[in-house]
C-alpha atoms as a PDB file:
ATOM      1  CA  MET A   1       0.055  -0.079   0.032  1.00  0.00           C
ATOM      2  CA  ASP A   2       1.411   3.447  -1.087  1.00  0.00           C
ATOM      3  CA  LYS A   3       2.061   6.211   1.137  1.00  0.00           C
ATOM      4  CA  ASN A   4      -0.876   8.451   0.056  1.00  0.00           C
ATOM      5  CA  LYS A   5      -3.249   5.709   0.361  1.00  0.00           C
ATOM      6  CA  ILE A   6      -2.204   4.969   3.965  1.00  0.00           C
ATOM      7  CA  ARG A   7      -2.822   8.687   4.497  1.00  0.00           C
ATOM      8  CA  ARG A   8      -6.052   8.731   3.092  1.00  0.00           C
ATOM      9  CA  MET A   9      -6.794   5.831   5.035  1.00  0.00           C
ATOM     10  CA  LEU A  10      -5.573   7.421   8.349  1.00  0.00           C
ATOM     11  CA  VAL A  11      -7.683  10.635   7.525  1.00  0.00           C
ATOM     12  CA  MET A  12     -10.892   8.696   6.960  1.00  0.00           C
ATOM     13  CA  MET A  13     -10.295   6.531   9.972  1.00  0.00           C
ATOM     14  CA  THR A  14     -10.006   9.784  12.041  1.00  0.00           C
ATOM     15  CA  GLY A  15     -12.851  11.229  10.624  1.00  0.00           C
ATOM     16  CA  LEU A  16     -15.173   8.024  11.732  1.00  0.00           C
ATOM     17  CA  ILE A  17     -13.835   8.262  15.280  1.00  0.00           C
ATOM     18  CA  ILE A  18     -14.694  12.250  15.322  1.00  0.00           C
ATOM     19  CA  MET A  19     -18.065  11.347  14.028  1.00  0.00           C
ATOM     20  CA  GLY A  20     -18.672   9.015  16.763  1.00  0.00           C
ATOM     21  CA  LEU A  21     -17.819  12.228  19.179  1.00  0.00           C
ATOM     22  CA  GLY A  22     -20.086  14.427  17.272  1.00  0.00           C
ATOM     23  CA  ILE A  23     -22.867  12.324  17.658  1.00  0.00           C
ATOM     24  CA  ALA A  24     -22.454  11.589  21.511  1.00  0.00           C
ATOM     25  CA  VAL A  25     -22.033  15.267  21.949  1.00  0.00           C
ATOM     26  CA  PHE A  26     -25.162  16.471  20.308  1.00  0.00           C
ATOM     27  CA  LYS A  27     -27.081  13.866  22.605  1.00  0.00           C
ATOM     28  CA  ILE A  28     -25.741  15.462  25.741  1.00  0.00           C
ATOM     29  CA  SER A  29     -26.668  18.580  24.640  1.00  0.00           C
ATOM     30  CA  LEU A  30     -30.153  17.548  24.944  1.00  0.00           C
ATOM     31  CA  MET A  31     -31.117  19.889  21.892  1.00  0.00           C
ATOM     32  CA  GLY A  32     -31.733  17.083  19.467  1.00  0.00           C
ATOM     33  CA  ASN A  33     -29.386  14.849  17.281  1.00  0.00           C
ATOM     34  CA  ASP A  34     -28.331  15.229  13.817  1.00  0.00           C
ATOM     35  CA  PRO A  35     -31.362  14.185  11.796  1.00  0.00           C
ATOM     36  CA  CYS A  36     -30.154  10.987  10.358  1.00  0.00           C
ATOM     37  CA  THR A  37     -29.402   9.436  13.840  1.00  0.00           C
ATOM     38  CA  ALA A  38     -32.235  11.239  15.346  1.00  0.00           C
ATOM     39  CA  MET A  39     -34.428   9.335  12.717  1.00  0.00           C
ATOM     40  CA  MET A  40     -32.687   5.952  13.644  1.00  0.00           C
ATOM     41  CA  MET A  41     -32.995   6.395  17.314  1.00  0.00           C
ATOM     42  CA  ALA A  42     -36.550   6.985  16.906  1.00  0.00           C
ATOM     43  CA  VAL A  43     -36.896   3.896  14.767  1.00  0.00           C
ATOM     44  CA  GLY A  44     -34.685   2.024  17.310  1.00  0.00           C
ATOM     45  CA  ASP A  45     -37.103   3.057  20.107  1.00  0.00           C
ATOM     46  CA  LYS A  46     -40.088   2.075  18.527  1.00  0.00           C
ATOM     47  CA  VAL A  47     -38.921  -1.590  17.618  1.00  0.00           C
ATOM     48  CA  ASP A  48     -36.606  -1.786  20.675  1.00  0.00           C
ATOM     49  CA  LEU A  49     -33.133  -1.960  18.853  1.00  0.00           C
ATOM     50  CA  SER A  50     -30.124  -0.357  19.992  1.00  0.00           C
ATOM     51  CA  LEU A  51     -28.277   2.275  17.997  1.00  0.00           C
ATOM     52  CA  PRO A  52     -25.577   0.004  16.459  1.00  0.00           C
ATOM     53  CA  VAL A  53     -28.046  -2.449  15.327  1.00  0.00           C
ATOM     54  CA  ILE A  54     -30.472   0.010  14.034  1.00  0.00           C
ATOM     55  CA  MET A  55     -27.869   1.966  12.234  1.00  0.00           C
ATOM     56  CA  ILE A  56     -26.801  -1.169  10.370  1.00  0.00           C
ATOM     57  CA  VAL A  57     -30.251  -2.292   9.471  1.00  0.00           C
ATOM     58  CA  VAL A  58     -31.581   1.295   8.229  1.00  0.00           C
ATOM     59  CA  ASN A  59     -28.062   1.628   6.097  1.00  0.00           C
ATOM     60  CA  SER A  60     -28.556  -1.534   4.522  1.00  0.00           C
ATOM     61  CA  ILE A  61     -31.814  -0.067   2.721  1.00  0.00           C
ATOM     62  CA  TYR A  62     -29.669   2.816   1.900  1.00  0.00           C
ATOM     63  CA  PHE A  63     -27.156   0.704   0.583  1.00  0.00           C
ATOM     64  CA  LEU A  64     -29.626  -0.781  -2.001  1.00  0.00           C
ATOM     65  CA  ALA A  65     -29.966   2.800  -3.561  1.00  0.00           C
ATOM     66  CA  GLU A  66     -25.810   3.032  -3.634  1.00  0.00           C
ATOM     67  CA  VAL A  67     -25.540  -0.253  -5.038  1.00  0.00           C
ATOM     68  CA  ILE A  68     -28.142   0.720  -7.887  1.00  0.00           C
ATOM     69  CA  TRP A  69     -26.975   4.311  -8.626  1.00  0.00           C
ATOM     70  CA  GLY A  70     -23.743   5.170  -6.898  1.00  0.00           C
ATOM     71  CA  ARG A  71     -21.663   1.927  -7.054  1.00  0.00           C
ATOM     72  CA  HIS A  72     -18.550   3.795  -7.928  1.00  0.00           C
ATOM     73  CA  TYR A  73     -19.007   5.447  -4.087  1.00  0.00           C
ATOM     74  CA  ILE A  74     -18.782   2.093  -2.581  1.00  0.00           C
ATOM     75  CA  GLY A  75     -15.290   1.110  -0.800  1.00  0.00           C
ATOM     76  CA  ILE A  76     -14.052   0.463   2.636  1.00  0.00           C
ATOM     77  CA  GLY A  77     -15.099   4.085   3.960  1.00  0.00           C
ATOM     78  CA  THR A  78     -18.758   2.667   3.111  1.00  0.00           C
ATOM     79  CA  PHE A  79     -18.447  -0.139   5.342  1.00  0.00           C
ATOM     80  CA  ALA A  80     -16.232   1.265   8.062  1.00  0.00           C
ATOM     81  CA  ASN A  81     -18.806   4.082   8.400  1.00  0.00           C
ATOM     82  CA  TRP A  82     -22.069   1.671   8.016  1.00  0.00           C
ATOM     83  CA  PHE A  83     -20.693  -1.009  10.633  1.00  0.00           C
ATOM     84  CA  GLY A  84     -18.288   1.515  12.759  1.00  0.00           C
ATOM     85  CA  VAL A  85     -20.049   4.720  13.650  1.00  0.00           C
ATOM     86  CA  GLY A  86     -22.813   3.181  15.656  1.00  0.00           C
ATOM     87  CA  THR A  87     -20.654   1.482  18.095  1.00  0.00           C
ATOM     88  CA  ILE A  88     -17.945   4.317  18.197  1.00  0.00           C
ATOM     89  CA  ALA A  89     -20.676   6.788  19.177  1.00  0.00           C
ATOM     90  CA  SER A  90     -22.062   4.457  21.938  1.00  0.00           C
ATOM     91  CA  ILE A  91     -18.624   4.046  23.202  1.00  0.00           C
ATOM     92  CA  TRP A  92     -18.023   8.282  23.527  1.00  0.00           C
ATOM     93  CA  LEU A  93     -21.656   8.481  24.800  1.00  0.00           C
ATOM     94  CA  MET A  94     -20.837   5.952  27.559  1.00  0.00           C
ATOM     95  CA  TRP A  95     -17.596   7.830  28.457  1.00  0.00           C
ATOM     96  CA  LEU A  96     -19.176  11.325  28.176  1.00  0.00           C
ATOM     97  CA  GLU A  97     -22.000  10.099  30.540  1.00  0.00           C
ATOM     98  CA  ARG A  98     -19.436   8.821  33.136  1.00  0.00           C
ATOM     99  CA  TYR A  99     -17.105  11.600  33.107  1.00  0.00           C
ATOM    100  CA  PHE A 100     -18.638  14.528  31.883  1.00  0.00           C
ATOM    101  CA  VAL A 101     -21.204  17.043  33.916  1.00  0.00           C
ATOM    102  CA  MET A 102     -24.287  17.114  32.154  1.00  0.00           C
ATOM    103  CA  PRO A 103     -25.235  20.442  31.073  1.00  0.00           C
ATOM    104  CA  GLN A 104     -27.975  22.548  32.857  1.00  0.00           C
ATOM    105  CA  THR A 105     -27.954  26.059  31.612  1.00  0.00           C
ATOM    106  CA  PHE A 106     -29.496  26.668  28.060  1.00  0.00           C
ATOM    107  CA  SER A 107     -26.420  28.662  27.045  1.00  0.00           C
ATOM    108  CA  PHE A 108     -24.044  25.658  27.842  1.00  0.00           C
ATOM    109  CA  ARG A 109     -26.250  23.374  25.812  1.00  0.00           C
ATOM    110  CA  PHE A 110     -26.390  25.749  23.142  1.00  0.00           C
ATOM    111  CA  SER A 111     -22.652  25.626  22.995  1.00  0.00           C
ATOM    112  CA  LEU A 112     -22.643  22.175  22.834  1.00  0.00           C
ATOM    113  CA  MET A 113     -25.113  22.153  19.998  1.00  0.00           C
ATOM    114  CA  LEU A 114     -22.849  24.308  17.577  1.00  0.00           C
ATOM    115  CA  THR A 115     -19.822  22.590  18.735  1.00  0.00           C
ATOM    116  CA  GLY A 116     -21.593  19.235  17.678  1.00  0.00           C
ATOM    117  CA  ILE A 117     -22.333  20.636  14.375  1.00  0.00           C
ATOM    118  CA  LEU A 118     -18.597  21.619  13.692  1.00  0.00           C
ATOM    119  CA  ILE A 119     -17.389  18.222  14.660  1.00  0.00           C
ATOM    120  CA  LEU A 120     -20.074  16.584  12.680  1.00  0.00           C
ATOM    121  CA  SER A 121     -19.287  18.498   9.517  1.00  0.00           C
ATOM    122  CA  LEU A 122     -15.274  18.081  10.114  1.00  0.00           C
ATOM    123  CA  ALA A 123     -15.788  14.320  10.775  1.00  0.00           C
ATOM    124  CA  ALA A 124     -18.015  13.929   7.388  1.00  0.00           C
ATOM    125  CA  SER A 125     -15.684  16.125   5.418  1.00  0.00           C
ATOM    126  CA  MET A 126     -12.709  13.845   6.719  1.00  0.00           C
ATOM    127  CA  TYR A 127     -14.213  10.467   5.950  1.00  0.00           C
ATOM    128  CA  GLN A 128     -15.601  11.763   2.503  1.00  0.00           C
ATOM    129  CA  THR A 129     -12.638  13.497   0.841  1.00  0.00           C
ATOM    130  CA  PRO A 130     -10.151  10.652   0.573  1.00  0.00           C
ATOM    131  CA  ASP A 131     -12.421   8.952  -1.670  1.00  0.00           C
ATOM    132  CA  LEU A 132     -12.137   5.652   0.150  1.00  0.00           C
ATOM    133  CA  GLY A 133     -16.103   5.065   0.057  1.00  0.00           C
ATOM    134  CA  ILE A 134     -19.203   6.980   1.068  1.00  0.00           C
ATOM    135  CA  ALA A 135     -21.652   5.843   3.749  1.00  0.00           C
ATOM    136  CA  PRO A 136     -25.075   4.671   2.353  1.00  0.00           C
ATOM    137  CA  TYR A 137     -27.060   7.607   3.914  1.00  0.00           C
ATOM    138  CA  ASP A 138     -24.351  10.156   2.727  1.00  0.00           C
ATOM    139  CA  VAL A 139     -24.299   8.924  -0.804  1.00  0.00           C
ATOM    140  CA  ILE A 140     -28.139   9.812  -0.860  1.00  0.00           C
ATOM    141  CA  SER A 141     -27.874  13.423  -1.453  1.00  0.00           C
ATOM    142  CA  ILE A 142     -24.639  12.839  -3.845  1.00  0.00           C
ATOM    143  CA  ILE A 143     -26.965  10.606  -6.054  1.00  0.00           C
ATOM    144  CA  LEU A 144     -29.795  13.137  -5.884  1.00  0.00           C
ATOM    145  CA  ALA A 145     -27.360  16.098  -6.818  1.00  0.00           C
ATOM    146  CA  GLU A 146     -26.014  13.734 -10.050  1.00  0.00           C
ATOM    147  CA  LYS A 147     -29.384  12.450 -11.377  1.00  0.00           C
ATOM    148  CA  CYS A 148     -31.454  15.754 -10.680  1.00  0.00           C
ATOM    149  CA  SER A 149     -28.740  18.387 -11.860  1.00  0.00           C
ATOM    150  CA  VAL A 150     -29.662  20.082  -8.213  1.00  0.00           C
ATOM    151  CA  PRO A 151     -26.678  21.491  -6.058  1.00  0.00           C
ATOM    152  CA  TYR A 152     -25.434  19.332  -3.375  1.00  0.00           C
ATOM    153  CA  LEU A 153     -26.214  21.624  -0.823  1.00  0.00           C
ATOM    154  CA  VAL A 154     -29.610  21.704  -1.813  1.00  0.00           C
ATOM    155  CA  CYS A 155     -29.917  18.100  -2.000  1.00  0.00           C
ATOM    156  CA  ARG A 156     -28.431  17.651   1.527  1.00  0.00           C
ATOM    157  CA  ILE A 157     -30.750  19.964   3.072  1.00  0.00           C
ATOM    158  CA  PHE A 158     -33.582  17.983   1.719  1.00  0.00           C
ATOM    159  CA  THR A 159     -32.522  14.622   2.766  1.00  0.00           C
ATOM    160  CA  ASP A 160     -31.419  15.872   6.131  1.00  0.00           C
ATOM    161  CA  SER A 161     -35.108  17.638   6.484  1.00  0.00           C
ATOM    162  CA  VAL A 162     -36.790  14.303   5.410  1.00  0.00           C
ATOM    163  CA  CYS A 163     -34.913  12.651   8.546  1.00  0.00           C
ATOM    164  CA  ALA A 164     -35.980  15.071  11.043  1.00  0.00           C
ATOM    165  CA  LEU A 165     -39.634  15.114   9.563  1.00  0.00           C
ATOM    166  CA  SER A 166     -39.460  11.306  10.016  1.00  0.00           C
ATOM    167  CA  ALA A 167     -37.973  11.817  13.599  1.00  0.00           C
ATOM    168  CA  TYR A 168     -40.791  14.127  14.746  1.00  0.00           C
ATOM    169  CA  LEU A 169     -43.380  11.923  13.522  1.00  0.00           C
ATOM    170  CA  LEU A 170     -41.971   8.917  15.058  1.00  0.00           C
ATOM    171  CA  GLY A 171     -41.637  10.557  18.372  1.00  0.00           C
ATOM    172  CA  GLY A 172     -38.125  10.727  18.498  1.00  0.00           C
ATOM    173  CA  LEU A 173     -35.551  13.474  20.224  1.00  0.00           C
ATOM    174  CA  ILE A 174     -35.287  16.408  18.164  1.00  0.00           C
ATOM    175  CA  GLY A 175     -34.699  19.966  18.656  1.00  0.00           C
ATOM    176  CA  LEU A 176     -32.836  23.098  17.723  1.00  0.00           C
ATOM    177  CA  GLY A 177     -30.016  21.217  17.139  1.00  0.00           C
ATOM    178  CA  THR A 178     -31.540  18.770  14.680  1.00  0.00           C
ATOM    179  CA  PHE A 179     -32.847  21.547  12.403  1.00  0.00           C
ATOM    180  CA  ALA A 180     -29.636  23.428  12.772  1.00  0.00           C
ATOM    181  CA  CYS A 181     -28.090  20.327  11.452  1.00  0.00           C
ATOM    182  CA  ALA A 182     -30.560  19.905   8.562  1.00  0.00           C
ATOM    183  CA  VAL A 183     -29.651  23.429   7.216  1.00  0.00           C
ATOM    184  CA  GLY A 184     -25.833  23.897   8.229  1.00  0.00           C
ATOM    185  CA  LEU A 185     -24.151  20.529   7.631  1.00  0.00           C
ATOM    186  CA  GLY A 186     -23.763  21.107   4.090  1.00  0.00           C
ATOM    187  CA  PRO A 187     -21.982  24.437   3.991  1.00  0.00           C
ATOM    188  CA  PHE A 188     -19.751  23.666   6.851  1.00  0.00           C
ATOM    189  CA  ILE A 189     -18.688  20.298   5.205  1.00  0.00           C
ATOM    190  CA  ALA A 190     -17.775  22.237   2.032  1.00  0.00           C
ATOM    191  CA  PHE A 191     -15.526  24.730   4.226  1.00  0.00           C
ATOM    192  CA  PHE A 192     -13.823  21.918   6.065  1.00  0.00           C
ATOM    193  CA  ASN A 193     -13.357  20.150   2.691  1.00  0.00           C
ATOM    194  CA  HIS A 194     -11.644  23.189   1.320  1.00  0.00           C
ATOM    195  CA  TYR A 195      -9.362  24.202   4.381  1.00  0.00           C
ATOM    196  CA  VAL A 196      -8.761  20.922   6.324  1.00  0.00           C
ATOM    197  CA  SER A 197      -9.607  17.383   4.721  1.00  0.00           C
ATOM    198  CA  GLU A 198      -8.067  18.468   0.987  1.00  0.00           C
ATOM    199  CA  LYS A 199      -4.668  19.498   2.860  1.00  0.00           C
ATOM    200  CA  LEU A 200      -4.769  16.337   5.109  1.00  0.00           C
ATOM    201  CA  CYS A 201      -5.288  14.067   2.059  1.00  0.00           C
ATOM    202  CA  GLY A 202      -2.296  15.873   0.088  1.00  0.00           C
ATOM    203  CA  ALA A 203      -2.830  18.529  -2.724  1.00  0.00           C
ATOM    204  CA  ALA A 204      -2.843  15.825  -5.243  1.00  0.00           C
ATOM    205  CA  GLN A 205      -5.786  14.223  -4.155  1.00  0.00           C
ATOM    206  CA  GLY A 206      -8.690  15.199  -5.947  1.00  0.00           C
ATOM    207  CA  SER A 207     -11.995  14.158  -4.120  1.00  0.00           C
ATOM    208  CA  LYS A 208     -14.985  13.666  -6.570  1.00  0.00           C
ATOM    209  CA  ILE A 209     -17.152  14.733  -3.786  1.00  0.00           C
ATOM    210  CA  SER A 210     -15.240  18.086  -3.109  1.00  0.00           C
ATOM    211  CA  ALA A 211     -15.608  18.992  -6.581  1.00  0.00           C
ATOM    212  CA  LYS A 212     -19.551  18.850  -6.347  1.00  0.00           C
ATOM    213  CA  ILE A 213     -19.779  20.536  -3.202  1.00  0.00           C
END
């Protein structure tokens, strides 16, 4: 394995670890989870399944769309995200709940929410930019952008909004953070692509995803 691929692999894996932290930070802020996680948690509560298990099940459905319309986006990163993020998030959450003082004031919780958005955006950028595979959910907005000739940011806002609405209808944990994510992740991901992830992956690494955002 060449040094460039090892470098991109490390960036991708770091992104997935950071993503688990972002999900956990969102949960302890008590201001709602990111739209996708909020929907999965709501579904898991309905069928009595843990987050890691329900993430695998729901992503299996998204994966069918990826196989049909976005097969070129399937790679090791697809499966690392699919089967790993739920477990990583659970570990981070267990650690934070044990050693972190739960937020009580609105200002503190709001700060955690904003931190969570930044963490998730950075994480998504870091695992997508290396072009080692895109997670089943994340690829949906990319496929929509390709097939419908609509800007990626619009498609990402649409898919996140659908998840937020689904979580609400299922009685899941949503809040200001959920809606902030629905409209804010796309622009922040684009920012981190340009200023962080592309530099970490190396100037020669031309990301298909970065070019679309």
